[in-house]
Full PDB file with SEQRES, HELIX, SHEET, SSBOND, CRYST1, ORIGX, SCALE, CONECT and MASTER records, all heavy atoms in Angstrom:
SEQRES   1 A   35  PRO VAL GLY ALA TRP PHE LEU ASP VAL PHE GLY ILE ARG          
SEQRES   2 A   35  LEU THR MET ASP TRP TRP SER ALA VAL PHE ALA THR THR          
SEQRES   3 A   35  VAL ILE ILE PHE PRO LEU MET TYR ARG                          
HELIX    1 AA1 VAL A    2  VAL A    9  1                                   8    
HELIX    2 AA2 SER A   20  TYR A   34  1                                  15    
CRYST1    1.000    1.000    1.000  90.00  90.00  90.00 P 1           1          
ORIGX1      1.000000  0.000000  0.000000        0.00000                         
ORIGX2      0.000000  1.000000  0.000000        0.00000                         
ORIGX3      0.000000  0.000000  1.000000        0.00000                         
SCALE1      1.000000  0.000000  0.000000        0.00000                         
SCALE2      0.000000  1.000000  0.000000        0.00000                         
SCALE3      0.000000  0.000000  1.000000        0.00000                         
ATOM      1  N   PRO A   1     262.187  64.353 125.125  1.00  0.00           N  
ATOM      2  CA  PRO A   1     261.500  65.559 124.635  1.00  0.00           C  
ATOM      3  C   PRO A   1     262.351  66.820 124.633  1.00  0.00           C  
ATOM      4  O   PRO A   1     262.573  67.424 123.567  1.00  0.00           O  
ATOM      5  CB  PRO A   1     260.310  65.694 125.603  1.00  0.00           C  
ATOM      6  CG  PRO A   1     260.059  64.307 126.083  1.00  0.00           C  
ATOM      7  CD  PRO A   1     261.381  63.634 126.129  1.00  0.00           C  
ATOM      8  N   VAL A   2     262.814  67.246 125.787  1.00  0.00           N  
ATOM      9  CA  VAL A   2     263.558  68.502 125.869  1.00  0.00           C  
ATOM     10  C   VAL A   2     264.922  68.375 125.193  1.00  0.00           C  
ATOM     11  O   VAL A   2     265.336  69.258 124.416  1.00  0.00           O  
ATOM     12  CB  VAL A   2     263.722  68.937 127.337  1.00  0.00           C  
ATOM     13  CG1 VAL A   2     264.566  70.207 127.419  1.00  0.00           C  
ATOM     14  CG2 VAL A   2     262.373  69.157 127.997  1.00  0.00           C  
ATOM     15  N   GLY A   3     265.617  67.281 125.466  1.00  0.00           N  
ATOM     16  CA  GLY A   3     266.933  67.083 124.877  1.00  0.00           C  
ATOM     17  C   GLY A   3     266.915  67.017 123.366  1.00  0.00           C  
ATOM     18  O   GLY A   3     267.789  67.594 122.691  1.00  0.00           O  
ATOM     19  N   ALA A   4     265.927  66.304 122.804  1.00  0.00           N  
ATOM     20  CA  ALA A   4     265.825  66.202 121.348  1.00  0.00           C  
ATOM     21  C   ALA A   4     265.502  67.549 120.723  1.00  0.00           C  
ATOM     22  O   ALA A   4     266.026  67.884 119.645  1.00  0.00           O  
ATOM     23  CB  ALA A   4     264.737  65.172 120.993  1.00  0.00           C  
ATOM     24  N   TRP A   5     264.667  68.345 121.368  1.00  0.00           N  
ATOM     25  CA  TRP A   5     264.301  69.649 120.829  1.00  0.00           C  
ATOM     26  C   TRP A   5     265.511  70.571 120.801  1.00  0.00           C  
ATOM     27  O   TRP A   5     265.757  71.257 119.792  1.00  0.00           O  
ATOM     28  CB  TRP A   5     263.194  70.270 121.689  1.00  0.00           C  
ATOM     29  CG  TRP A   5     262.698  71.586 121.128  1.00  0.00           C  
ATOM     30  CD1 TRP A   5     261.810  71.787 120.116  1.00  0.00           C  
ATOM     31  CD2 TRP A   5     263.084  72.896 121.602  1.00  0.00           C  
ATOM     32  NE1 TRP A   5     261.610  73.127 119.905  1.00  0.00           N  
ATOM     33  CE2 TRP A   5     262.373  73.825 120.798  1.00  0.00           C  
ATOM     34  CE3 TRP A   5     263.929  73.356 122.596  1.00  0.00           C  
ATOM     35  CZ2 TRP A   5     262.511  75.205 120.982  1.00  0.00           C  
ATOM     36  CZ3 TRP A   5     264.078  74.725 122.769  1.00  0.00           C  
ATOM     37  CH2 TRP A   5     263.363  75.626 121.985  1.00  0.00           C  
ATOM     38  N   PHE A   6     266.290  70.608 121.865  1.00  0.00           N  
ATOM     39  CA  PHE A   6     267.485  71.440 121.909  1.00  0.00           C  
ATOM     40  C   PHE A   6     268.506  70.984 120.851  1.00  0.00           C  
ATOM     41  O   PHE A   6     269.179  71.784 120.221  1.00  0.00           O  
ATOM     42  CB  PHE A   6     268.131  71.393 123.292  1.00  0.00           C  
ATOM     43  CG  PHE A   6     267.690  72.528 124.197  1.00  0.00           C  
ATOM     44  CD1 PHE A   6     266.537  72.393 124.958  1.00  0.00           C  
ATOM     45  CD2 PHE A   6     268.409  73.691 124.261  1.00  0.00           C  
ATOM     46  CE1 PHE A   6     266.119  73.431 125.784  1.00  0.00           C  
ATOM     47  CE2 PHE A   6     268.012  74.732 125.090  1.00  0.00           C  
ATOM     48  CZ  PHE A   6     266.853  74.602 125.855  1.00  0.00           C  
ATOM     49  N   LEU A   7     268.609  69.670 120.681  1.00  0.00           N  
ATOM     50  CA  LEU A   7     269.566  69.149 119.712  1.00  0.00           C  
ATOM     51  C   LEU A   7     269.155  69.495 118.293  1.00  0.00           C  
ATOM     52  O   LEU A   7     270.005  69.854 117.457  1.00  0.00           O  
ATOM     53  CB  LEU A   7     269.683  67.626 119.888  1.00  0.00           C  
ATOM     54  CG  LEU A   7     270.812  66.943 119.132  1.00  0.00           C  
ATOM     55  CD1 LEU A   7     272.160  67.484 119.575  1.00  0.00           C  
ATOM     56  CD2 LEU A   7     270.756  65.433 119.347  1.00  0.00           C  
ATOM     57  N   ASP A   8     267.855  69.410 117.992  1.00  0.00           N  
ATOM     58  CA  ASP A   8     267.373  69.705 116.642  1.00  0.00           C  
ATOM     59  C   ASP A   8     267.392  71.192 116.336  1.00  0.00           C  
ATOM     60  O   ASP A   8     267.766  71.607 115.229  1.00  0.00           O  
ATOM     61  CB  ASP A   8     265.946  69.167 116.463  1.00  0.00           C  
ATOM     62  CG  ASP A   8     265.875  67.651 116.487  1.00  0.00           C  
ATOM     63  OD1 ASP A   8     266.921  67.030 116.239  1.00  0.00           O  
ATOM     64  OD2 ASP A   8     264.791  67.110 116.786  1.00  0.00           O  
ATOM     65  N   VAL A   9     266.987  72.032 117.294  1.00  0.00           N  
ATOM     66  CA  VAL A   9     266.847  73.458 117.051  1.00  0.00           C  
ATOM     67  C   VAL A   9     268.177  74.204 117.181  1.00  0.00           C  
ATOM     68  O   VAL A   9     268.533  75.027 116.334  1.00  0.00           O  
ATOM     69  CB  VAL A   9     265.779  74.061 117.982  1.00  0.00           C  
ATOM     70  CG1 VAL A   9     265.711  75.594 117.800  1.00  0.00           C  
ATOM     71  CG2 VAL A   9     264.426  73.436 117.731  1.00  0.00           C  
ATOM     72  N   PHE A  10     268.906  73.924 118.262  1.00  0.00           N  
ATOM     73  CA  PHE A  10     270.128  74.672 118.555  1.00  0.00           C  
ATOM     74  C   PHE A  10     271.399  73.868 118.339  1.00  0.00           C  
ATOM     75  O   PHE A  10     272.500  74.419 118.377  1.00  0.00           O  
ATOM     76  CB  PHE A  10     270.109  75.158 120.008  1.00  0.00           C  
ATOM     77  CG  PHE A  10     268.928  76.030 120.346  1.00  0.00           C  
ATOM     78  CD1 PHE A  10     267.875  75.525 121.092  1.00  0.00           C  
ATOM     79  CD2 PHE A  10     268.871  77.354 119.898  1.00  0.00           C  
ATOM     80  CE1 PHE A  10     266.783  76.323 121.412  1.00  0.00           C  
ATOM     81  CE2 PHE A  10     267.783  78.153 120.218  1.00  0.00           C  
ATOM     82  CZ  PHE A  10     266.730  77.654 120.964  1.00  0.00           C  
ATOM     83  N   GLY A  11     271.262  72.575 118.107  1.00  0.00           N  
ATOM     84  CA  GLY A  11     272.431  71.732 117.936  1.00  0.00           C  
ATOM     85  C   GLY A  11     273.217  71.552 119.229  1.00  0.00           C  
ATOM     86  O   GLY A  11     274.428  71.295 119.191  1.00  0.00           O  
ATOM     87  N   ILE A  12     272.545  71.678 120.361  1.00  0.00           N  
ATOM     88  CA  ILE A  12     273.175  71.578 121.675  1.00  0.00           C  
ATOM     89  C   ILE A  12     272.745  70.277 122.347  1.00  0.00           C  
ATOM     90  O   ILE A  12     271.550  70.008 122.476  1.00  0.00           O  
ATOM     91  CB  ILE A  12     272.819  72.770 122.571  1.00  0.00           C  
ATOM     92  CG1 ILE A  12     273.286  74.082 121.939  1.00  0.00           C  
ATOM     93  CG2 ILE A  12     273.414  72.602 123.978  1.00  0.00           C  
ATOM     94  CD1 ILE A  12     272.860  75.313 122.692  1.00  0.00           C  
ATOM     95  N   ARG A  13     273.719  69.513 122.768  1.00  0.00           N  
ATOM     96  CA  ARG A  13     273.444  68.283 123.508  1.00  0.00           C  
ATOM     97  C   ARG A  13     273.465  68.601 125.000  1.00  0.00           C  
ATOM     98  O   ARG A  13     274.467  69.117 125.512  1.00  0.00           O  
ATOM     99  CB  ARG A  13     274.503  67.199 123.171  1.00  0.00           C  
ATOM    100  CG  ARG A  13     274.253  65.865 123.787  1.00  0.00           C  
ATOM    101  CD  ARG A  13     275.408  64.927 123.490  1.00  0.00           C  
ATOM    102  NE  ARG A  13     275.217  63.621 124.099  1.00  0.00           N  
ATOM    103  CZ  ARG A  13     274.701  62.563 123.494  1.00  0.00           C  
ATOM    104  NH1 ARG A  13     274.316  62.672 122.231  1.00  0.00           N  
ATOM    105  NH2 ARG A  13     274.543  61.419 124.124  1.00  0.00           N  
ATOM    106  N   LEU A  14     272.377  68.303 125.684  1.00  0.00           N  
ATOM    107  CA  LEU A  14     272.235  68.703 127.085  1.00  0.00           C  
ATOM    108  C   LEU A  14     272.832  67.713 128.063  1.00  0.00           C  
ATOM    109  O   LEU A  14     272.832  67.976 129.266  1.00  0.00           O  
ATOM    110  CB  LEU A  14     270.743  68.896 127.424  1.00  0.00           C  
ATOM    111  CG  LEU A  14     270.013  69.996 126.663  1.00  0.00           C  
ATOM    112  CD1 LEU A  14     268.573  70.107 127.119  1.00  0.00           C  
ATOM    113  CD2 LEU A  14     270.719  71.342 126.833  1.00  0.00           C  
ATOM    114  N   THR A  15     273.343  66.603 127.595  1.00  0.00           N  
ATOM    115  CA  THR A  15     273.936  65.611 128.479  1.00  0.00           C  
ATOM    116  C   THR A  15     275.408  65.412 128.133  1.00  0.00           C  
ATOM    117  O   THR A  15     275.878  65.782 127.055  1.00  0.00           O  
ATOM    118  CB  THR A  15     273.209  64.257 128.368  1.00  0.00           C  
ATOM    119  OG1 THR A  15     273.259  63.808 127.006  1.00  0.00           O  
ATOM    120  CG2 THR A  15     271.768  64.375 128.810  1.00  0.00           C  
ATOM    121  N   MET A  16     276.147  64.850 129.101  1.00  0.00           N  
ATOM    122  CA  MET A  16     277.561  64.500 128.933  1.00  0.00           C  
ATOM    123  C   MET A  16     278.450  65.685 128.582  1.00  0.00           C  
ATOM    124  O   MET A  16     279.358  65.596 127.776  1.00  0.00           O  
ATOM    125  CB  MET A  16     277.708  63.384 127.877  1.00  0.00           C  
ATOM    126  CG  MET A  16     276.951  62.125 128.253  1.00  0.00           C  
ATOM    127  SD  MET A  16     277.412  61.500 129.887  1.00  0.00           S  
ATOM    128  CE  MET A  16     275.962  60.505 130.307  1.00  0.00           C  
ATOM    129  N   ASP A  17     278.146  66.816 129.213  1.00  0.00           N  
ATOM    130  CA  ASP A  17     279.037  67.998 129.126  1.00  0.00           C  
ATOM    131  C   ASP A  17     279.056  68.635 130.516  1.00  0.00           C  
ATOM    132  O   ASP A  17     278.265  68.258 131.384  1.00  0.00           O  
ATOM    133  CB  ASP A  17     278.541  68.990 128.089  1.00  0.00           C  
ATOM    134  CG  ASP A  17     279.730  69.708 127.418  1.00  0.00           C  
ATOM    135  OD1 ASP A  17     280.671  70.039 128.148  1.00  0.00           O  
ATOM    136  OD2 ASP A  17     279.684  69.912 126.188  1.00  0.00           O  
ATOM    137  N   TRP A  18     279.961  69.589 130.723  1.00  0.00           N  
ATOM    138  CA  TRP A  18     280.117  70.117 132.082  1.00  0.00           C  
ATOM    139  C   TRP A  18     278.854  70.809 132.545  1.00  0.00           C  
ATOM    140  O   TRP A  18     278.488  70.752 133.732  1.00  0.00           O  
ATOM    141  CB  TRP A  18     281.328  71.065 132.157  1.00  0.00           C  
ATOM    142  CG  TRP A  18     281.117  72.400 131.515  1.00  0.00           C  
ATOM    143  CD1 TRP A  18     281.448  72.756 130.249  1.00  0.00           C  
ATOM    144  CD2 TRP A  18     280.531  73.551 132.118  1.00  0.00           C  
ATOM    145  NE1 TRP A  18     281.100  74.072 130.020  1.00  0.00           N  
ATOM    146  CE2 TRP A  18     280.551  74.586 131.145  1.00  0.00           C  
ATOM    147  CE3 TRP A  18     280.003  73.824 133.381  1.00  0.00           C  
ATOM    148  CZ2 TRP A  18     280.036  75.854 131.410  1.00  0.00           C  
ATOM    149  CZ3 TRP A  18     279.497  75.081 133.649  1.00  0.00           C  
ATOM    150  CH2 TRP A  18     279.519  76.092 132.661  1.00  0.00           C  
ATOM    151  N   TRP A  19     278.150  71.519 131.642  1.00  0.00           N  
ATOM    152  CA  TRP A  19     276.949  72.239 132.083  1.00  0.00           C  
ATOM    153  C   TRP A  19     275.799  71.274 132.388  1.00  0.00           C  
ATOM    154  O   TRP A  19     274.838  71.661 133.049  1.00  0.00           O  
ATOM    155  CB  TRP A  19     276.509  73.250 131.032  1.00  0.00           C  
ATOM    156  CG  TRP A  19     276.133  72.691 129.711  1.00  0.00           C  
ATOM    157  CD1 TRP A  19     274.991  71.985 129.386  1.00  0.00           C  
ATOM    158  CD2 TRP A  19     276.901  72.748 128.495  1.00  0.00           C  
ATOM    159  NE1 TRP A  19     274.986  71.631 128.068  1.00  0.00           N  
ATOM    160  CE2 TRP A  19     276.135  72.086 127.489  1.00  0.00           C  
ATOM    161  CE3 TRP A  19     278.108  73.303 128.150  1.00  0.00           C  
ATOM    162  CZ2 TRP A  19     276.606  71.950 126.194  1.00  0.00           C  
ATOM    163  CZ3 TRP A  19     278.565  73.180 126.870  1.00  0.00           C  
ATOM    164  CH2 TRP A  19     277.819  72.520 125.887  1.00  0.00           C  
ATOM    165  N   SER A  20     275.898  70.032 131.925  1.00  0.00           N  
ATOM    166  CA  SER A  20     274.876  69.051 132.272  1.00  0.00           C  
ATOM    167  C   SER A  20     274.844  68.824 133.784  1.00  0.00           C  
ATOM    168  O   SER A  20     273.770  68.589 134.368  1.00  0.00           O  
ATOM    169  CB  SER A  20     275.155  67.713 131.555  1.00  0.00           C  
ATOM    170  OG  SER A  20     275.311  67.905 130.174  1.00  0.00           O  
ATOM    171  N   ALA A  21     276.018  68.897 134.404  1.00  0.00           N  
ATOM    172  CA  ALA A  21     276.071  68.708 135.866  1.00  0.00           C  
ATOM    173  C   ALA A  21     275.365  69.848 136.596  1.00  0.00           C  
ATOM    174  O   ALA A  21     274.900  69.634 137.725  1.00  0.00           O  
ATOM    175  CB  ALA A  21     277.535  68.636 136.307  1.00  0.00           C  
ATOM    176  N   VAL A  22     275.247  71.020 135.974  1.00  0.00           N  
ATOM    177  CA  VAL A  22     274.516  72.120 136.597  1.00  0.00           C  
ATOM    178  C   VAL A  22     273.069  71.753 136.796  1.00  0.00           C  
ATOM    179  O   VAL A  22     272.446  72.087 137.825  1.00  0.00           O  
ATOM    180  CB  VAL A  22     274.655  73.407 135.755  1.00  0.00           C  
ATOM    181  CG1 VAL A  22     273.806  74.537 136.346  1.00  0.00           C  
ATOM    182  CG2 VAL A  22     276.116  73.846 135.670  1.00  0.00           C  
ATOM    183  N   PHE A  23     272.467  71.059 135.815  1.00  0.00           N  
ATOM    184  CA  PHE A  23     271.090  70.629 135.967  1.00  0.00           C  
ATOM    185  C   PHE A  23     270.929  69.718 137.173  1.00  0.00           C  
ATOM    186  O   PHE A  23     270.020  69.875 137.978  1.00  0.00           O  
ATOM    187  CB  PHE A  23     270.609  69.876 134.716  1.00  0.00           C  
ATOM    188  CG  PHE A  23     270.751  70.651 133.430  1.00  0.00           C  
ATOM    189  CD1 PHE A  23     271.118  70.035 132.239  1.00  0.00           C  
ATOM    190  CD2 PHE A  23     270.538  72.024 133.390  1.00  0.00           C  
ATOM    191  CE1 PHE A  23     271.252  70.739 131.064  1.00  0.00           C  
ATOM    192  CE2 PHE A  23     270.668  72.751 132.224  1.00  0.00           C  
ATOM    193  CZ  PHE A  23     271.035  72.104 131.055  1.00  0.00           C  
ATOM    194  N   ALA A  24     271.863  68.785 137.292  1.00  0.00           N  
ATOM    195  CA  ALA A  24     271.792  67.809 138.389  1.00  0.00           C  
ATOM    196  C   ALA A  24     271.967  68.480 139.740  1.00  0.00           C  
ATOM    197  O   ALA A  24     271.173  68.272 140.661  1.00  0.00           O  
ATOM    198  CB  ALA A  24     272.851  66.732 138.181  1.00  0.00           C  
ATOM    199  N   THR A  25     273.014  69.301 139.882  1.00  0.00           N  
ATOM    200  CA  THR A  25     273.270  69.927 141.175  1.00  0.00           C  
ATOM    201  C   THR A  25     272.178  70.926 141.555  1.00  0.00           C  
ATOM    202  O   THR A  25     271.816  71.051 142.723  1.00  0.00           O  
ATOM    203  CB  THR A  25     274.633  70.644 141.179  1.00  0.00           C  
ATOM    204  OG1 THR A  25     274.700  71.525 140.062  1.00  0.00           O  
ATOM    205  CG2 THR A  25     275.759  69.628 141.071  1.00  0.00           C  
ATOM    206  N   THR A  26     271.613  71.597 140.564  1.00  0.00           N  
ATOM    207  CA  THR A  26     270.541  72.557 140.854  1.00  0.00           C  
ATOM    208  C   THR A  26     269.338  71.853 141.455  1.00  0.00           C  
ATOM    209  O   THR A  26     268.756  72.320 142.441  1.00  0.00           O  
ATOM    210  CB  THR A  26     270.136  73.309 139.577  1.00  0.00           C  
ATOM    211  OG1 THR A  26     271.247  74.049 139.082  1.00  0.00           O  
ATOM    212  CG2 THR A  26     268.977  74.257 139.852  1.00  0.00           C  
ATOM    213  N   VAL A  27     268.957  70.722 140.865  1.00  0.00           N  
ATOM    214  CA  VAL A  27     267.802  69.974 141.371  1.00  0.00           C  
ATOM    215  C   VAL A  27     268.114  69.406 142.766  1.00  0.00           C  
ATOM    216  O   VAL A  27     267.261  69.444 143.649  1.00  0.00           O  
ATOM    217  CB  VAL A  27     267.425  68.833 140.406  1.00  0.00           C  
ATOM    218  CG1 VAL A  27     266.330  67.954 141.008  1.00  0.00           C  
ATOM    219  CG2 VAL A  27     266.974  69.409 139.062  1.00  0.00           C  
ATOM    220  N   ILE A  28     269.306  68.916 142.956  1.00  0.00           N  
ATOM    221  CA  ILE A  28     269.684  68.298 144.233  1.00  0.00           C  
ATOM    222  C   ILE A  28     269.702  69.298 145.376  1.00  0.00           C  
ATOM    223  O   ILE A  28     269.240  69.027 146.484  1.00  0.00           O  
ATOM    224  CB  ILE A  28     271.052  67.590 144.119  1.00  0.00           C  
ATOM    225  CG1 ILE A  28     270.961  66.358 143.202  1.00  0.00           C  
ATOM    226  CG2 ILE A  28     271.564  67.179 145.503  1.00  0.00           C  
ATOM    227  CD1 ILE A  28     270.092  65.236 143.748  1.00  0.00           C  
ATOM    228  N   ILE A  29     270.246  70.491 145.127  1.00  0.00           N  
ATOM    229  CA  ILE A  29     270.422  71.460 146.226  1.00  0.00           C  
ATOM    230  C   ILE A  29     269.234  72.407 146.370  1.00  0.00           C  
ATOM    231  O   ILE A  29     269.145  73.121 147.390  1.00  0.00           O  
ATOM    232  CB  ILE A  29     271.700  72.301 146.041  1.00  0.00           C  
ATOM    233  CG1 ILE A  29     271.568  73.248 144.831  1.00  0.00           C  
ATOM    234  CG2 ILE A  29     272.919  71.411 145.890  1.00  0.00           C  
ATOM    235  CD1 ILE A  29     272.749  74.198 144.652  1.00  0.00           C  
ATOM    236  N   PHE A  30     268.299  72.405 145.440  1.00  0.00           N  
ATOM    237  CA  PHE A  30     267.164  73.306 145.537  1.00  0.00           C  
ATOM    238  C   PHE A  30     266.398  73.144 146.868  1.00  0.00           C  
ATOM    239  O   PHE A  30     266.050  74.160 147.503  1.00  0.00           O  
ATOM    240  CB  PHE A  30     266.208  73.108 144.360  1.00  0.00           C  
ATOM    241  CG  PHE A  30     264.902  73.839 144.515  1.00  0.00           C  
ATOM    242  CD1 PHE A  30     264.817  75.202 144.278  1.00  0.00           C  
ATOM    243  CD2 PHE A  30     263.748  73.163 144.911  1.00  0.00           C  
ATOM    244  CE1 PHE A  30     263.606  75.882 144.446  1.00  0.00           C  
ATOM    245  CE2 PHE A  30     262.542  73.833 145.075  1.00  0.00           C  
ATOM    246  CZ  PHE A  30     262.471  75.191 144.859  1.00  0.00           C  
ATOM    247  N   PRO A  31     266.102  71.921 147.324  1.00  0.00           N  
ATOM    248  CA  PRO A  31     265.370  71.794 148.590  1.00  0.00           C  
ATOM    249  C   PRO A  31     266.092  72.410 149.771  1.00  0.00           C  
ATOM    250  O   PRO A  31     265.429  72.938 150.687  1.00  0.00           O  
ATOM    251  CB  PRO A  31     265.229  70.258 148.754  1.00  0.00           C  
ATOM    252  CG  PRO A  31     265.349  69.700 147.382  1.00  0.00           C  
ATOM    253  CD  PRO A  31     266.314  70.606 146.682  1.00  0.00           C  
ATOM    254  N   LEU A  32     267.416  72.386 149.787  1.00  0.00           N  
ATOM    255  CA  LEU A  32     268.164  72.986 150.891  1.00  0.00           C  
ATOM    256  C   LEU A  32     267.922  74.489 150.951  1.00  0.00           C  
ATOM    257  O   LEU A  32     267.625  75.048 152.026  1.00  0.00           O  
ATOM    258  CB  LEU A  32     269.655  72.713 150.738  1.00  0.00           C  
ATOM    259  CG  LEU A  32     270.126  71.281 150.979  1.00  0.00           C  
ATOM    260  CD1 LEU A  32     271.592  71.144 150.629  1.00  0.00           C  
ATOM    261  CD2 LEU A  32     269.876  70.877 152.426  1.00  0.00           C  
ATOM    262  N   MET A  33     268.000  75.149 149.811  1.00  0.00           N  
ATOM    263  CA  MET A  33     267.778  76.593 149.772  1.00  0.00           C  
ATOM    264  C   MET A  33     266.313  76.913 150.042  1.00  0.00           C  
ATOM    265  O   MET A  33     266.008  77.857 150.797  1.00  0.00           O  
ATOM    266  CB  MET A  33     268.189  77.128 148.397  1.00  0.00           C  
ATOM    267  CG  MET A  33     268.218  78.644 148.282  1.00  0.00           C  
ATOM    268  SD  MET A  33     269.522  79.391 149.269  1.00  0.00           S  
ATOM    269  CE  MET A  33     268.569  80.344 150.431  1.00  0.00           C  
ATOM    270  N   TYR A  34     265.432  76.139 149.473  1.00  0.00           N  
ATOM    271  CA  TYR A  34     263.993  76.377 149.648  1.00  0.00           C  
ATOM    272  C   TYR A  34     263.574  76.231 151.107  1.00  0.00           C  
ATOM    273  O   TYR A  34     262.889  77.112 151.668  1.00  0.00           O  
ATOM    274  CB  TYR A  34     263.199  75.413 148.762  1.00  0.00           C  
ATOM    275  CG  TYR A  34     261.755  75.291 149.146  1.00  0.00           C  
ATOM    276  CD1 TYR A  34     260.851  76.323 148.893  1.00  0.00           C  
ATOM    277  CD2 TYR A  34     261.298  74.136 149.788  1.00  0.00           C  
ATOM    278  CE1 TYR A  34     259.512  76.198 149.262  1.00  0.00           C  
ATOM    279  CE2 TYR A  34     259.973  74.016 150.153  1.00  0.00           C  
ATOM    280  CZ  TYR A  34     259.089  75.043 149.893  1.00  0.00           C  
ATOM    281  OH  TYR A  34     257.774  74.919 150.273  1.00  0.00           O  
ATOM    282  N   ARG A  35     263.988  75.139 151.759  1.00  0.00           N  
ATOM    283  CA  ARG A  35     263.590  74.890 153.134  1.00  0.00           C  
ATOM    284  C   ARG A  35     264.193  75.927 154.088  1.00  0.00           C  
ATOM    285  O   ARG A  35     263.544  76.395 155.020  1.00  0.00           O  
ATOM    286  CB  ARG A  35     264.023  73.485 153.562  1.00  0.00           C  
ATOM    287  CG  ARG A  35     263.409  72.360 152.771  1.00  0.00           C  
ATOM    288  CD  ARG A  35     261.947  72.173 153.043  1.00  0.00           C  
ATOM    289  NE  ARG A  35     261.658  71.831 154.428  1.00  0.00           N  
ATOM    290  CZ  ARG A  35     260.449  71.460 154.864  1.00  0.00           C  
ATOM    291  NH1 ARG A  35     259.446  71.405 153.998  1.00  0.00           N  
ATOM    292  NH2 ARG A  35     260.248  71.175 156.122  1.00  0.00           N  
TER     293      ARG A  35                                                      
MASTER        0    0    0    2    0    0    0    6  292    1    0    3          
END                                                                             
């Protein structure tokens, strides 16, 4: 859903690029900051 929409509207692929890792690390470290 989200990836296809970004690809169709903005021509941006949200996976397999350096900023894709930001999504992963943000989700992983969020509980540490939150707790």
